[in-house]
Amino acid sequence: MKLPKDFFIYCIFGAMATLVNMLSYELLYAKLGLPNTPAVALAWFMAVTFAFFTNKYIVFRERGKTNRHSIAAELLYFYALRAASGVLDIIIMFIAVDVMNWNHTLWKFISNIAMGICNYLAGRFFIFAKKS
């Protein structure tokens, strides 16, 4: 099975979005003392915002829609589809950190892998799907 070229580019920028997510979470949770769930949600928001712009302009090279209304609509759609992975992140982190008291950094990484798979599929087949 041959993977599309955008999958490899997505992996690079997905790793960067993961870094944004993990560093934001670490700052909010471990350094600033925000409770786990709000820290997860805010880190998710920051990473999704980063991911939208890198996915739109670099990974899937989508250039057609440039007016503010089109970009805003696409951004809302992007957030809506990514909301499922955000909920997955919150559930994983709540169980791992708040319930099981496991290592927050390790489980944030594991959660990001699960989210990355879901997010690639959503971006590839729904958000930035090439219309024929």
Protein backbone atom coordinates (compact mmCIF):
# COMPACT_ATOMS: atom_id res chain seq x y z
CA MET A 1 0.00 0.00 0.00
CA LYS A 2 1.44 3.34 -1.05
CA LEU A 3 0.73 6.21 1.33
CA PRO A 4 -0.06 9.64 -0.12
CA LYS A 5 2.73 12.24 -0.05
CA ASP A 6 0.63 14.49 2.17
CA PHE A 7 0.66 11.78 4.86
CA PHE A 8 4.40 12.22 5.40
CA ILE A 9 4.14 16.02 5.43
CA TYR A 10 1.17 15.67 7.79
CA CYS A 11 3.32 13.54 10.12
CA ILE A 12 5.96 16.28 10.32
CA PHE A 13 3.43 19.01 11.08
CA GLY A 14 1.43 16.61 13.24
CA ALA A 15 4.55 16.13 15.34
CA MET A 16 4.85 19.91 15.62
CA ALA A 17 1.17 20.19 16.65
CA THR A 18 1.81 17.43 19.19
CA LEU A 19 4.71 19.48 20.53
CA VAL A 20 2.46 22.56 20.79
CA ASN A 21 -0.12 20.44 22.61
CA MET A 22 2.33 18.82 25.00
CA LEU A 23 4.30 21.98 25.80
CA SER A 24 1.11 24.00 26.30
CA TYR A 25 -0.29 21.30 28.57
CA GLU A 26 2.95 21.05 30.55
CA LEU A 27 3.05 24.82 31.00
CA LEU A 28 -0.60 25.08 32.02
CA TYR A 29 -0.77 21.97 34.22
CA ALA A 30 2.67 21.46 35.74
CA LYS A 31 4.02 25.02 35.80
CA LEU A 32 0.94 27.24 36.23
CA GLY A 33 -1.04 24.73 38.30
CA LEU A 34 -4.21 24.69 36.19
CA PRO A 35 -6.38 21.63 36.90
CA ASN A 36 -5.87 18.73 34.48
CA THR A 37 -9.08 18.95 32.42
CA PRO A 38 -8.96 22.72 31.71
CA ALA A 39 -5.24 22.40 30.90
CA VAL A 40 -6.00 19.57 28.44
CA ALA A 41 -8.79 21.59 26.81
CA LEU A 42 -6.72 24.77 26.42
CA ALA A 43 -3.69 22.87 25.10
CA TRP A 44 -5.99 21.12 22.61
CA PHE A 45 -7.35 24.49 21.44
CA MET A 46 -3.85 25.89 20.90
CA ALA A 47 -2.69 22.80 19.02
CA VAL A 48 -5.81 22.69 16.82
CA THR A 49 -5.37 26.35 15.88
CA PHE A 50 -1.76 25.67 14.91
CA ALA A 51 -2.80 22.52 13.03
CA PHE A 52 -5.51 24.29 11.04
CA PHE A 53 -3.17 26.78 9.46
CA THR A 54 -0.35 24.31 8.81
CA ASN A 55 -2.78 21.72 7.40
CA LYS A 56 -4.56 24.25 5.22
CA TYR A 57 -1.57 25.97 3.70
CA ILE A 58 1.26 23.44 3.92
CA VAL A 59 0.00 19.86 4.23
CA PHE A 60 -3.03 19.88 1.94
CA ARG A 61 -1.98 23.05 0.04
CA GLU A 62 -5.51 24.41 -0.03
CA ARG A 63 -5.39 27.89 -1.54
CA GLY A 64 -8.84 28.52 -3.04
CA LYS A 65 -10.72 30.04 -0.11
CA THR A 66 -9.02 33.22 1.03
CA ASN A 67 -11.76 35.59 2.21
CA ARG A 68 -12.39 35.90 5.95
CA HIS A 69 -15.86 34.36 5.79
CA SER A 70 -14.65 31.23 3.98
CA ILE A 71 -11.66 30.80 6.28
CA ALA A 72 -13.84 31.31 9.38
CA ALA A 73 -16.34 28.71 8.15
CA GLU A 74 -13.55 26.26 7.37
CA LEU A 75 -11.95 26.91 10.78
CA LEU A 76 -15.26 26.22 12.56
CA TYR A 77 -15.67 23.01 10.56
CA PHE A 78 -12.08 22.05 11.44
CA TYR A 79 -12.75 22.63 15.16
CA ALA A 80 -16.02 20.69 14.97
CA LEU A 81 -14.38 17.65 13.39
CA ARG A 82 -11.44 17.86 15.76
CA ALA A 83 -13.80 18.10 18.73
CA ALA A 84 -14.09 14.30 18.77
CA SER A 85 -10.33 13.97 19.21
CA GLY A 86 -10.45 16.69 21.87
CA VAL A 87 -13.05 14.71 23.80
CA LEU A 88 -10.90 11.59 23.38
CA ASP A 89 -7.93 13.55 24.77
CA ILE A 90 -9.92 14.75 27.78
CA ILE A 91 -11.23 11.24 28.53
CA ILE A 92 -7.81 9.60 28.24
CA MET A 93 -6.15 12.27 30.37
CA PHE A 94 -8.93 12.31 32.98
CA ILE A 95 -8.73 8.54 33.46
CA ALA A 96 -4.92 8.38 33.34
CA VAL A 97 -4.10 11.43 35.46
CA ASP A 98 -7.10 12.19 37.67
CA VAL A 99 -8.38 8.65 38.27
CA MET A 100 -5.30 6.42 37.95
CA ASN A 101 -2.71 9.03 38.98
CA TRP A 102 -0.36 7.90 36.18
CA ASN A 103 2.44 9.99 34.69
CA HIS A 104 0.83 12.99 32.98
CA THR A 105 3.61 13.50 30.43
CA LEU A 106 3.64 9.89 29.22
CA TRP A 107 -0.13 9.79 28.93
CA LYS A 108 -0.28 13.13 27.14
CA PHE A 109 2.07 11.62 24.55
CA ILE A 110 -0.05 8.45 24.22
CA SER A 111 -3.20 10.54 23.92
CA ASN A 112 -1.58 12.64 21.18
CA ILE A 113 -0.84 9.52 19.12
CA ALA A 114 -4.50 8.46 19.27
CA MET A 115 -5.62 11.99 18.37
CA GLY A 116 -3.12 12.24 15.50
CA ILE A 117 -4.55 9.20 13.76
CA CYS A 118 -8.11 10.50 14.12
CA ASN A 119 -7.12 13.99 13.00
CA TYR A 120 -5.27 12.86 9.87
CA LEU A 121 -8.29 10.89 8.72
CA ALA A 122 -10.63 13.82 9.37
CA GLY A 123 -8.34 16.26 7.52
CA ARG A 124 -7.68 13.98 4.60
CA PHE A 125 -11.21 12.77 3.95
CA PHE A 126 -13.46 15.56 5.24
CA ILE A 127 -11.91 18.95 5.90
CA PHE A 128 -9.41 19.34 3.06
CA ALA A 129 -10.70 16.61 0.73
CA LYS A 130 -9.98 17.40 -2.88
CA LYS A 131 -13.25 17.88 -4.75
CA SER A 132 -13.21 16.25 -8.18
